Protein backbone atom coordinates (compact mmCIF):
# COMPACT_ATOMS: atom_id res chain seq x y z
CA MET A 1 -16.06 -8.62 -104.47
CA THR A 2 -14.18 -11.73 -105.59
CA ASP A 3 -12.40 -14.17 -103.32
CA SER A 4 -8.98 -12.99 -104.55
CA GLN A 5 -9.88 -9.38 -103.75
CA GLN A 6 -11.00 -10.40 -100.28
CA SER A 7 -7.73 -12.26 -99.77
CA ASP A 8 -5.71 -9.24 -100.86
CA ASP A 9 -7.58 -6.99 -98.44
CA MET A 10 -7.05 -9.42 -95.58
CA ALA A 11 -3.31 -9.65 -96.33
CA ARG A 12 -3.03 -5.88 -96.41
CA ILE A 13 -4.62 -5.48 -92.96
CA HIS A 14 -3.31 -8.63 -91.23
CA PRO A 15 0.34 -9.30 -92.14
CA VAL A 16 1.34 -12.91 -92.42
CA ASP A 17 4.14 -14.24 -90.24
CA GLU A 18 6.42 -16.39 -92.35
CA THR A 19 7.50 -18.32 -89.30
CA ASP A 20 4.20 -20.07 -88.63
CA HIS A 21 2.14 -18.85 -91.65
CA THR A 22 -0.73 -17.78 -89.38
CA VAL A 23 -2.62 -14.54 -89.36
CA MET A 24 -1.13 -12.16 -86.74
CA GLU A 25 -3.25 -10.13 -84.38
CA VAL A 26 -3.48 -6.35 -84.63
CA PRO A 27 -1.54 -4.88 -81.64
CA ALA A 28 -3.67 -3.64 -78.71
CA VAL A 29 -2.65 0.00 -79.28
CA GLU A 30 -4.83 2.83 -80.44
CA THR A 31 -2.84 4.41 -83.27
CA PRO A 32 -3.55 6.91 -86.00
CA ALA A 33 -4.19 5.47 -89.40
CA VAL A 34 -1.09 4.61 -91.40
CA GLU A 35 -0.54 7.09 -94.17
CA THR A 36 -1.48 5.01 -97.18
CA PRO A 37 -3.18 6.08 -100.37
CA ALA A 38 -6.90 6.33 -100.05
CA ALA A 39 -7.36 4.02 -103.01
CA GLU A 40 -6.07 1.07 -100.99
CA VAL A 41 -9.14 1.07 -98.67
CA PRO A 42 -12.40 0.18 -100.43
CA ALA A 43 -15.17 2.63 -99.64
CA VAL A 44 -17.80 -0.02 -98.84
CA GLU A 45 -20.06 0.90 -95.91
CA THR A 46 -21.38 -1.71 -93.45
CA PRO A 47 -23.30 -1.43 -90.18
CA ALA A 48 -21.33 0.18 -87.36
CA ALA A 49 -21.79 -2.89 -85.15
CA GLU A 50 -19.38 -4.81 -87.36
CA VAL A 51 -16.55 -2.26 -87.03
CA PRO A 52 -13.86 -3.59 -84.64
CA ALA A 53 -13.67 -1.62 -81.38
CA LEU A 54 -10.68 0.68 -80.88
CA GLU A 55 -8.20 -0.75 -78.35
CA THR A 56 -6.57 0.98 -75.40
CA PRO A 57 -2.92 2.06 -75.81
CA VAL A 58 -0.53 -0.37 -74.13
CA ALA A 59 1.42 2.51 -72.56
CA GLU A 60 -1.49 3.13 -70.17
CA THR A 61 -1.40 -0.35 -68.55
CA PRO A 62 1.41 -2.93 -68.16
CA ALA A 63 1.13 -5.78 -70.59
CA ALA A 64 0.69 -8.29 -67.76
CA GLU A 65 -2.33 -6.40 -66.47
CA VAL A 66 -4.21 -6.14 -69.79
CA PRO A 67 -7.15 -8.60 -69.74
CA ALA A 68 -6.82 -11.48 -72.16
CA PRO A 69 -8.92 -11.00 -75.33
CA THR A 70 -12.20 -12.87 -75.49
CA ALA A 71 -13.00 -15.43 -78.13
CA ALA A 72 -15.03 -12.84 -80.02
CA GLN A 73 -12.10 -10.41 -79.95
CA ARG A 74 -9.70 -13.09 -81.20
CA ARG A 75 -12.01 -13.96 -84.09
CA ILE A 76 -10.80 -12.64 -87.45
CA PRO A 77 -13.28 -10.01 -88.74
CA SER A 78 -14.91 -10.57 -92.09
CA PRO A 79 -13.63 -8.80 -95.21
CA ALA A 80 -16.78 -6.70 -95.20
CA ALA A 81 -15.92 -5.46 -91.72
CA PHE A 82 -12.46 -4.38 -92.84
CA ALA A 83 -13.97 -2.75 -95.90
CA ALA A 84 -16.17 -0.72 -93.57
CA ARG A 85 -13.17 0.94 -91.89
CA PRO A 86 -13.25 4.71 -92.62
CA ARG A 87 -10.97 5.99 -95.31
CA PRO A 88 -7.96 7.88 -93.81
CA ALA A 89 -7.39 11.45 -94.85
CA ALA A 90 -4.91 11.94 -97.64
CA PRO A 91 -1.51 13.17 -96.42
CA LEU A 92 -0.47 16.72 -97.14
CA PRO A 93 2.08 17.04 -99.93
CA ARG A 94 5.63 17.59 -98.73
CA ALA A 95 8.88 18.24 -100.39
CA GLU A 96 11.00 15.32 -101.45
CA GLY A 97 13.52 14.35 -98.78
CA ALA A 98 11.64 16.21 -96.02
CA ALA A 99 11.27 14.36 -92.73
CA ALA A 100 7.85 13.09 -91.73
CA ALA A 101 5.99 15.11 -89.12
CA PRO A 102 6.57 13.60 -85.67
CA SER A 103 3.70 11.82 -83.89
CA PRO A 104 3.32 10.66 -80.26
CA ALA A 105 5.87 8.04 -79.32
CA GLY A 106 4.76 4.46 -79.89
CA THR A 107 1.57 5.43 -81.79
CA SER A 108 2.67 6.17 -85.33
CA LEU A 109 5.15 5.54 -88.03
CA THR A 110 7.60 7.79 -86.28
CA GLY A 111 7.22 6.36 -82.73
CA THR A 112 10.51 4.63 -83.35
CA SER A 113 12.11 6.56 -86.17
CA LEU A 114 12.83 4.75 -89.36
CA ALA A 115 16.49 5.42 -88.80
CA THR A 116 16.35 3.71 -85.37
CA ALA A 117 14.17 0.90 -86.72
CA ALA A 118 16.57 0.43 -89.61
CA LYS A 119 19.39 0.01 -87.08
CA TRP A 120 17.66 -3.09 -85.64
CA GLY A 121 15.86 -4.47 -88.68
CA ARG A 122 14.97 -4.21 -92.36
CA ALA A 123 12.02 -4.83 -94.68
CA GLU A 124 12.01 -6.30 -98.16
CA GLU A 125 9.90 -5.21 -101.10
CA ASP A 126 7.58 -8.22 -100.70
CA GLY A 127 6.77 -7.12 -97.10
CA HIS A 128 9.03 -9.55 -95.22
CA VAL A 129 10.61 -7.92 -92.17
CA TYR A 130 13.71 -9.05 -90.23
CA VAL A 131 15.17 -8.07 -86.85
CA LEU A 132 18.88 -8.01 -86.00
CA ILE A 133 19.75 -9.89 -82.78
CA ASP A 134 23.32 -10.56 -81.73
CA GLY A 135 24.47 -9.79 -85.28
CA GLU A 136 22.08 -12.27 -86.92
CA GLU A 137 18.85 -11.52 -88.75
CA GLN A 138 15.70 -13.30 -87.67
CA PRO A 139 12.33 -13.07 -89.52
CA VAL A 140 9.56 -11.36 -87.61
CA GLY A 141 6.70 -11.41 -90.14
CA GLN A 142 5.34 -10.08 -93.40
CA PHE A 143 3.29 -6.97 -94.21
CA PRO A 144 2.38 -7.48 -97.88
CA GLY A 145 0.94 -4.74 -100.04
CA ALA A 146 2.73 -1.97 -98.12
CA SER A 147 5.94 -0.03 -98.56
CA THR A 148 9.11 -1.13 -96.82
CA ASP A 149 8.89 1.86 -94.47
CA GLU A 150 5.32 0.98 -93.51
CA ALA A 151 6.19 -2.67 -92.96
CA LEU A 152 9.24 -1.81 -90.86
CA SER A 153 7.31 0.84 -88.90
CA TYR A 154 4.50 -1.58 -88.16
CA PHE A 155 6.82 -4.08 -86.47
CA ALA A 156 8.76 -1.25 -84.79
CA ARG A 157 5.53 -0.12 -83.15
CA LYS A 158 5.05 -3.60 -81.73
CA PHE A 159 8.43 -3.19 -80.07
CA ASP A 160 7.43 0.27 -78.85
CA ASP A 161 4.43 -1.30 -77.12
CA VAL A 162 6.70 -3.63 -75.17
CA ALA A 163 9.20 -0.84 -74.42
CA ALA A 164 6.39 1.40 -73.17
CA ALA A 165 5.20 -1.39 -70.84
CA ILE A 166 8.78 -1.81 -69.55
CA THR A 167 9.06 1.94 -68.96
CA LEU A 168 5.77 1.99 -67.06
CA LEU A 169 6.92 -0.93 -64.93
CA GLU A 170 10.23 0.85 -64.21
CA GLN A 171 8.27 3.90 -63.10
CA ARG A 172 6.14 1.77 -60.80
CA VAL A 173 9.24 0.19 -59.25
CA GLU A 174 10.87 3.60 -58.78
CA ALA A 175 7.67 4.88 -57.13
CA LYS A 176 7.76 1.81 -54.84
CA ALA A 177 4.32 0.68 -55.92
CA PRO A 178 3.11 -2.66 -54.57
CA SER A 179 5.20 -5.41 -56.14
CA ALA A 180 2.36 -7.90 -56.47
CA ASP A 181 2.30 -9.45 -59.98
CA MET A 182 5.34 -7.42 -61.11
CA HIS A 183 7.34 -10.60 -61.75
CA LYS A 184 4.39 -11.94 -63.68
CA THR A 185 4.40 -8.77 -65.79
CA VAL A 186 8.15 -9.16 -66.44
CA GLY A 187 7.59 -12.77 -67.50
CA HIS A 188 4.81 -11.76 -69.86
CA LEU A 189 7.02 -9.09 -71.43
CA ARG A 190 9.82 -11.65 -71.81
CA GLU A 191 7.40 -13.92 -73.62
CA GLN A 192 6.46 -11.11 -75.97
CA LEU A 193 10.11 -10.41 -76.71
CA ALA A 194 10.77 -14.14 -77.21
CA GLU A 195 8.10 -14.31 -79.91
CA ARG A 196 10.44 -12.27 -82.20
CA ASN A 197 7.59 -10.41 -83.84
CA ALA A 198 8.88 -6.87 -83.28
CA VAL A 199 11.78 -4.76 -84.49
CA GLY A 200 13.91 -2.97 -81.90
CA ASP A 201 16.68 -3.36 -79.36
CA ILE A 202 15.56 -6.80 -78.17
CA ARG A 203 18.68 -7.47 -76.06
CA GLY A 204 18.50 -4.00 -74.53
CA ALA A 205 14.87 -4.60 -73.56
CA GLU A 206 15.83 -7.97 -72.08
CA GLN A 207 18.60 -6.30 -70.06
CA ARG A 208 16.09 -3.77 -68.77
CA LEU A 209 13.88 -6.67 -67.74
CA ASP A 210 16.87 -8.28 -65.97
CA SER A 211 17.43 -5.04 -64.06
CA LEU A 212 13.73 -4.91 -63.27
CA ASP A 213 13.92 -8.43 -61.84
CA LEU A 214 16.64 -7.30 -59.42
CA SER A 215 14.80 -4.08 -58.54
CA ILE A 216 11.56 -5.94 -57.96
CA LYS A 217 13.34 -8.41 -55.69
CA ALA A 218 14.82 -5.51 -53.70
CA LEU A 219 11.38 -3.92 -53.56
CA GLU A 220 9.91 -7.20 -52.31
CA VAL A 221 12.59 -7.37 -49.60
CA ALA A 222 11.74 -3.83 -48.48
CA GLU A 223 8.02 -4.62 -48.59
CA ARG A 224 8.61 -7.75 -46.52
CA ALA A 225 10.57 -5.70 -43.97
CA VAL A 226 7.75 -3.14 -43.75
CA HIS A 227 5.23 -5.96 -43.59
CA GLN A 228 7.14 -7.71 -40.82
CA ALA A 229 7.43 -4.46 -38.85
CA ALA A 230 3.71 -3.79 -39.23
CA ARG A 231 2.99 -7.41 -38.36
CA ALA A 232 5.13 -7.10 -35.22
CA VAL A 233 3.17 -4.02 -34.17
CA GLU A 234 -0.11 -5.81 -34.84
CA LEU A 235 1.10 -8.88 -32.95
CA LYS A 236 2.14 -6.75 -29.98
CA SER A 237 -1.24 -5.00 -29.98
CA ARG A 238 -3.12 -8.31 -30.17
CA GLU A 239 -0.95 -9.86 -27.44
CA ALA A 240 -1.60 -6.81 -25.22
CA ILE A 241 -5.34 -7.51 -25.52
CA VAL A 242 -4.81 -11.15 -24.57
CA VAL A 243 -2.47 -10.35 -21.65
CA GLU A 244 -4.88 -7.80 -20.17
CA ALA A 245 -7.76 -10.26 -20.51
CA GLU A 246 -5.68 -12.91 -18.71
CA GLU A 247 -4.81 -10.44 -15.93
CA ILE A 248 -8.47 -9.59 -15.43
CA SER A 249 -9.53 -13.25 -15.36
CA GLY A 250 -6.68 -14.08 -12.96
CA GLN A 251 -7.89 -11.72 -10.21
CA ASP A 252 -9.20 -13.00 -6.89
CA PRO A 253 -12.99 -13.50 -7.36
CA ASP A 254 -13.60 -12.27 -3.81
CA SER A 255 -11.87 -8.90 -4.34
CA ILE A 256 -12.45 -8.20 -8.03
CA GLN A 257 -14.62 -5.24 -9.09
CA TRP A 258 -17.05 -7.18 -11.26
CA LYS A 259 -18.83 -4.23 -12.86
CA THR A 260 -15.62 -2.48 -13.93
CA SER A 261 -13.88 -5.70 -14.96
CA SER A 262 -16.89 -6.93 -16.96
CA SER A 263 -17.05 -3.63 -18.82
CA ARG A 264 -13.33 -3.77 -19.60
CA MET A 265 -13.55 -7.39 -20.76
CA ASN A 266 -16.32 -6.41 -23.18
CA GLU A 267 -14.17 -3.54 -24.47
CA LEU A 268 -11.28 -5.94 -25.04
CA PHE A 269 -13.58 -8.26 -27.00
CA GLU A 270 -14.67 -5.37 -29.23
CA LEU A 271 -11.02 -4.41 -29.74
CA TRP A 272 -10.27 -8.01 -30.70
CA LYS A 273 -13.11 -8.10 -33.25
CA THR A 274 -11.98 -4.79 -34.75
CA ALA A 275 -8.38 -6.03 -35.03
CA GLN A 276 -9.59 -9.30 -36.52
CA LYS A 277 -11.67 -7.46 -39.09
CA ASN A 278 -9.46 -4.51 -40.00
CA GLY A 279 -5.98 -5.41 -38.74
CA MET A 280 -3.14 -7.15 -40.52
CA ARG A 281 -3.29 -10.92 -40.81
CA LEU A 282 -0.89 -12.64 -38.42
CA GLY A 283 -1.02 -16.13 -39.83
CA ARG A 284 -3.52 -18.83 -39.03
CA ASN A 285 -1.45 -20.58 -36.37
CA THR A 286 -0.56 -17.34 -34.55
CA GLU A 287 -4.11 -16.02 -34.63
CA GLU A 288 -5.57 -19.33 -33.48
CA ALA A 289 -3.09 -19.52 -30.59
CA LEU A 290 -3.89 -15.95 -29.47
CA TRP A 291 -7.62 -16.55 -29.86
CA LYS A 292 -7.45 -19.70 -27.74
CA ARG A 293 -5.71 -17.75 -24.96
CA PHE A 294 -8.20 -14.87 -25.21
CA ARG A 295 -11.18 -17.22 -25.30
CA ALA A 296 -9.83 -19.17 -22.31
CA ALA A 297 -9.40 -15.93 -20.34
CA ARG A 298 -12.97 -14.84 -21.14
CA THR A 299 -14.29 -18.30 -20.26
CA ASP A 300 -12.48 -18.33 -16.90
CA PHE A 301 -13.68 -14.81 -16.15
CA ASP A 302 -17.27 -15.70 -16.97
CA ARG A 303 -17.09 -18.89 -14.89
CA HIS A 304 -15.72 -17.03 -11.88
CA ARG A 305 -18.33 -14.31 -12.29
CA ARG A 306 -21.16 -16.82 -12.43
CA ALA A 307 -19.81 -18.71 -9.42
CA TYR A 308 -19.36 -15.48 -7.45
CA PHE A 309 -22.86 -14.21 -8.11
CA SER A 310 -24.33 -17.65 -7.50
CA ALA A 311 -22.64 -17.74 -4.09
CA LEU A 312 -23.71 -14.15 -3.52
CA ASP A 313 -27.32 -15.06 -4.24
CA SER A 314 -27.04 -17.98 -1.83
CA ASN A 315 -25.55 -15.72 0.85
CA ASN A 316 -28.24 -13.14 0.22
CA SER A 317 -30.92 -15.76 0.74
CA ALA A 318 -29.33 -16.90 4.02
CA ALA A 319 -28.90 -13.31 5.22
CA LYS A 320 -32.49 -12.49 4.36
CA SER A 321 -33.69 -15.54 6.30
CA VAL A 322 -31.66 -14.57 9.43
CA LYS A 323 -32.78 -10.96 9.36
CA GLU A 324 -36.40 -11.81 8.71
CA ASN A 325 -36.36 -13.92 11.92
CA ILE A 326 -34.91 -10.95 13.81
CA ILE A 327 -37.60 -8.72 12.34
CA ALA A 328 -40.31 -11.17 13.41
CA GLU A 329 -39.11 -10.94 17.04
CA ALA A 330 -38.83 -7.15 16.84
CA GLU A 331 -42.35 -6.81 15.48
CA ALA A 332 -43.68 -9.08 18.26
CA LEU A 333 -42.07 -6.80 20.89
CA SER A 334 -43.30 -3.58 19.30
CA SER A 335 -46.59 -3.66 21.25
CA SER A 336 -45.06 -4.65 24.63
CA THR A 337 -45.58 -2.35 27.64
CA ASP A 338 -42.90 -4.02 29.72
CA TRP A 339 -40.58 -1.17 28.91
CA GLY A 340 -37.44 -2.40 30.63
CA TYR A 341 -37.60 -5.96 29.36
CA ALA A 342 -38.56 -4.96 25.82
CA ALA A 343 -35.78 -2.34 25.65
CA GLY A 344 -33.24 -4.99 26.71
CA GLU A 345 -34.56 -7.38 24.07
CA TYR A 346 -34.23 -4.73 21.39
CA ARG A 347 -30.59 -4.24 22.36
CA ARG A 348 -30.06 -7.99 22.01
CA LEU A 349 -31.77 -8.04 18.59
CA MET A 350 -29.63 -5.11 17.45
CA ASP A 351 -26.47 -7.05 18.35
CA GLN A 352 -27.77 -10.02 16.35
CA TRP A 353 -28.54 -7.76 13.40
CA LYS A 354 -24.97 -6.38 13.39
CA ALA A 355 -23.53 -9.92 13.50
CA ALA A 356 -25.79 -11.21 10.69
CA PRO A 357 -24.39 -11.38 7.12
CA ARG A 358 -25.36 -8.64 4.69
CA ALA A 359 -27.89 -9.26 1.96
CA SER A 360 -27.93 -7.37 -1.32
CA ARG A 361 -28.11 -3.62 -0.91
CA LYS A 362 -31.70 -3.42 -2.10
CA ASP A 363 -32.88 -6.28 0.13
CA ASP A 364 -30.81 -5.12 3.10
CA ASP A 365 -32.27 -1.61 2.93
CA ALA A 366 -35.82 -2.99 2.82
CA LEU A 367 -35.18 -5.36 5.77
CA TRP A 368 -33.56 -2.60 7.83
CA ALA A 369 -36.57 -0.36 7.21
CA ARG A 370 -38.84 -3.07 8.64
CA PHE A 371 -36.61 -3.62 11.68
CA ARG A 372 -36.35 0.10 12.42
CA GLY A 373 -40.11 0.40 11.98
CA ALA A 374 -40.73 -2.17 14.75
CA GLN A 375 -38.22 -0.41 17.05
CA ASP A 376 -39.67 3.00 16.36
CA LYS A 377 -43.15 1.78 17.19
CA PHE A 378 -42.04 0.45 20.60
CA PHE A 379 -39.90 3.43 21.57
CA ALA A 380 -42.53 5.90 20.39
CA ALA A 381 -45.09 4.23 22.69
CA ARG A 382 -42.59 4.27 25.57
CA GLN A 383 -41.77 7.92 24.93
CA SER A 384 -45.44 8.81 25.00
CA VAL A 385 -45.89 7.12 28.41
CA ASN A 386 -42.74 8.78 29.76
CA GLU A 387 -43.95 12.20 28.66
CA GLU A 388 -47.19 11.65 30.62
CA LEU A 389 -45.19 10.57 33.67
CA ASP A 390 -42.89 13.57 33.35
CA GLN A 391 -45.85 15.91 33.52
CA GLU A 392 -47.03 14.08 36.66
CA PHE A 393 -43.54 14.20 38.29
CA SER A 394 -42.92 17.89 37.65
CA ALA A 395 -44.23 18.84 41.16
CA ASN A 396 -41.95 16.25 42.78
CA LEU A 397 -39.00 17.91 41.04
CA VAL A 398 -39.73 21.22 42.78
CA VAL A 399 -39.75 19.51 46.20
CA LYS A 400 -36.47 17.69 45.61
CA GLU A 401 -34.70 20.80 44.30
CA ALA A 402 -35.69 22.54 47.58
CA LEU A 403 -34.32 19.57 49.59
CA ILE A 404 -31.01 19.80 47.68
CA ALA A 405 -30.74 23.48 48.54
CA GLU A 406 -31.41 22.67 52.22
CA ALA A 407 -28.80 19.88 52.25
CA LYS A 408 -26.09 22.13 50.78
CA LEU A 409 -26.51 24.47 53.78
CA LEU A 410 -24.91 21.72 55.94
CA LEU A 411 -21.58 22.33 54.19
CA PRO A 412 -18.96 22.74 55.45
CA ILE A 413 -19.69 20.34 58.30
CA GLN A 414 -19.11 21.88 61.72
CA SER A 415 -20.79 19.25 63.86
CA LEU A 416 -20.85 15.72 62.55
CA ALA A 417 -23.74 14.60 64.78
CA ALA A 418 -25.94 17.57 63.86
CA ALA A 419 -25.15 17.16 60.16
CA LYS A 420 -26.02 13.45 60.22
CA LYS A 421 -29.33 14.17 61.96
CA SER A 422 -30.32 16.89 59.46
CA LEU A 423 -29.29 14.73 56.47
CA GLN A 424 -31.43 11.86 57.67
CA SER A 425 -34.47 14.15 57.87
CA ILE A 426 -33.77 15.36 54.33
CA ARG A 427 -33.51 11.76 53.10
CA ASP A 428 -36.87 10.82 54.59
CA ARG A 429 -38.58 13.74 52.88
CA TRP A 430 -36.69 12.94 49.62
CA GLU A 431 -38.17 9.43 49.48
CA ALA A 432 -41.61 10.74 50.34
CA ALA A 433 -41.47 13.27 47.47
CA GLY A 434 -41.55 10.48 44.84
CA LYS A 435 -40.12 10.29 41.29
CA VAL A 436 -38.99 13.21 39.14
CA PRO A 437 -39.00 13.50 35.31
CA ARG A 438 -36.47 11.22 33.62
CA ALA A 439 -34.55 14.11 32.12
CA ASP A 440 -33.90 15.61 35.61
CA MET A 441 -33.31 12.37 37.50
CA GLN A 442 -29.53 12.26 37.25
CA ARG A 443 -29.15 15.95 37.98
CA VAL A 444 -31.11 15.92 41.26
CA GLU A 445 -29.55 12.64 42.42
CA ALA A 446 -26.07 14.09 41.87
CA GLY A 447 -27.00 17.24 43.84
CA LEU A 448 -27.94 15.27 46.97
CA ARG A 449 -25.00 12.89 46.55
CA VAL A 450 -22.53 15.76 47.02
CA VAL A 451 -23.80 16.40 50.54
CA GLU A 452 -23.99 12.69 51.39
CA ASP A 453 -20.36 12.18 50.29
CA ALA A 454 -19.22 15.10 52.47
CA VAL A 455 -20.96 13.69 55.59
CA ARG A 456 -19.55 10.20 54.90
CA LYS A 457 -16.01 11.56 54.61
CA ALA A 458 -16.34 13.51 57.86
CA GLU A 459 -17.57 10.38 59.60
CA GLU A 460 -14.61 8.34 58.33
CA ASP A 461 -12.15 10.98 59.46
CA ASN A 462 -13.71 11.04 62.90
CA TRP A 463 -13.47 7.28 63.19
CA ARG A 464 -9.79 7.29 62.33
CA ARG A 465 -9.15 9.84 65.08
CA THR A 466 -11.11 7.99 67.73
CA ASP A 467 -10.06 4.41 66.99
CA PRO A 468 -8.61 3.02 70.35
CA GLU A 469 -6.50 0.39 68.67
CA ALA A 470 -4.94 2.86 66.30
CA LYS A 471 -4.29 5.23 69.21
CA ALA A 472 -2.58 2.47 71.22
CA ARG A 473 -0.42 1.51 68.25
CA THR A 474 0.62 5.12 67.84
CA SER A 475 1.55 5.51 71.54
CA SER A 476 3.63 2.33 71.46
CA ALA A 477 5.50 3.39 68.35
CA LEU A 478 6.11 6.80 69.88
CA SER A 479 7.62 5.29 73.07
CA GLN A 480 9.87 2.92 71.11
CA LEU A 481 11.08 5.69 68.82
CA GLU A 482 11.88 8.00 71.74
CA ALA A 483 13.97 5.22 73.35
CA THR A 484 15.82 4.64 70.08
CA ILE A 485 16.55 8.34 69.70
CA ALA A 486 17.99 8.48 73.23
CA ALA A 487 20.32 5.56 72.48
CA LEU A 488 21.45 7.16 69.21
CA ARG A 489 22.27 10.38 71.05
CA ASP A 490 24.49 8.38 73.47
CA ASP A 491 26.24 6.76 70.48
CA LEU A 492 26.78 10.18 68.93
CA ALA A 493 28.33 11.52 72.13
CA ALA A 494 30.65 8.53 72.39
CA ALA A 495 31.76 8.98 68.77
CA GLU A 496 32.50 12.64 69.37
CA ALA A 497 34.55 11.72 72.45
CA THR A 498 36.64 9.17 70.58
CA GLY A 499 36.99 11.27 67.46
CA ASP A 500 35.97 8.32 65.24
CA GLN A 501 34.69 10.15 62.19
CA ARG A 502 33.01 7.13 60.59
CA LYS A 503 30.94 6.30 63.65
CA LEU A 504 30.17 9.97 64.12
CA THR A 505 28.71 10.28 60.60
CA LYS A 506 26.70 7.06 60.93
CA ALA A 507 25.24 8.14 64.29
CA GLN A 508 24.26 11.54 62.94
CA GLU A 509 22.41 10.03 59.92
CA ALA A 510 20.55 7.49 62.04
CA LEU A 511 19.56 10.16 64.59
CA ALA A 512 18.24 12.53 61.90
CA ALA A 513 16.04 9.81 60.40
CA ARG A 514 14.57 8.77 63.75
CA GLU A 515 13.81 12.38 64.66
CA LEU A 516 11.86 12.79 61.39
CA TRP A 517 9.80 9.67 62.16
CA LEU A 518 9.17 11.01 65.65
CA GLU A 519 7.77 14.23 64.25
CA GLN A 520 5.27 12.39 62.04
CA ILE A 521 4.10 10.05 64.82
CA GLN A 522 3.61 12.98 67.15
CA LYS A 523 1.33 14.65 64.57
CA ALA A 524 -0.74 11.45 64.32
CA ALA A 525 -1.05 11.35 68.07
CA GLU A 526 -2.26 14.93 68.06
CA ASP A 527 -5.04 13.95 65.61
CA PHE A 528 -6.28 11.29 68.02
CA ASP A 529 -6.28 13.87 70.82
């Protein structure tokens, strides 16, 4: 193949733009082969690796999102590679004047109909194509070696690619898709339209892009509102974590429930980490300020906890020391046989134990077990001795119960002298009988005390009746009262004689009172008699 043939083939596949006289790139759209005679494509076969890869249709992805072509993709293929392209099938014959069969929009000669393309541009016989903008024609490029319809259709498809990208972007805006990079996509599409290398409604496409700019801005405003609302919720949630942590750390160390509070503080830390990892970003300054507060609360809580448990350990050590000294004394007394003294000492040690500070629960339980062990040893030994004594004193109990029965026969007391004599005899035998079991001691003592109290009361009553001084005082009072009553009776008679009602009433009241006193004194005198 000669150089001129190679040049002709290259011109047929890659149209030349008259504006800059550079080879134009094939649009990134997968399209069916243009219906051209089979003779125009040489049937030279080359390895498949040299055949250019088919490109993805632009309608599937916005132009701004299509990756930029690599250097290898931008490289112009060799003539042999173009010669290796498969020969398209020959078109079916159709009647003259019949319309071409429609193909998918944007992918064939009929994507933008020739009639529509002709409205916005035209092609000359030499392959030069022009677009009409604002009533003026502007050159868009050249497609030599092809018919005017093919040349015009080629550049119309380039416009269809841009229009399809605009339509897809409009659909994304209407669906309220994320607006990230949408403005960038609009700018890219504007650049494509500004290159003036396509035939179509350029101004209409630019107006659609203007509308898209406004719609995207409105979408961004709505997204910002949603973002701010979500950010406010996230901020409130994060602040709630911080506030609760500060409330926990601000509690009184002496009254705080450390186990519960420590567990909750750990939960808050896990919530913080989850929010930090999965939650919405709040801004570096906001997050740092919240983290400083949260970290300060955790630090204060940990410091108070350490100080509390350090003091608690110190108190535990002091309490253990005090109680171990008490235990040492209790263990020394556990073998004593001085029952009364040792029992008193154990009561004193118990009072000291109650006043001593508490150690930890584990230590306190162990110390108490030792203290109770020493007590139990002493009282068990004393109980054993008492049980032996009780067995020995059982016979004495029988004697004393008989003496109680004998003493109760003295009641009620008829003769004080005889009762006192019999009670004395009972007392002498009571002392001679000896001790009784401890369990019965109070009962038998109370039984004899009833009789003793009755004799004592009778003796006191007898003394009051026979007391000479009391008897003399009673006789004197009786004589004086009788004289007073006689005088009051004279006053009463005089008042009756005069008819003085006031004096009469006063004399009657005074006489009645003195007569009542006289009656009581006379009864007392009778007791002495």
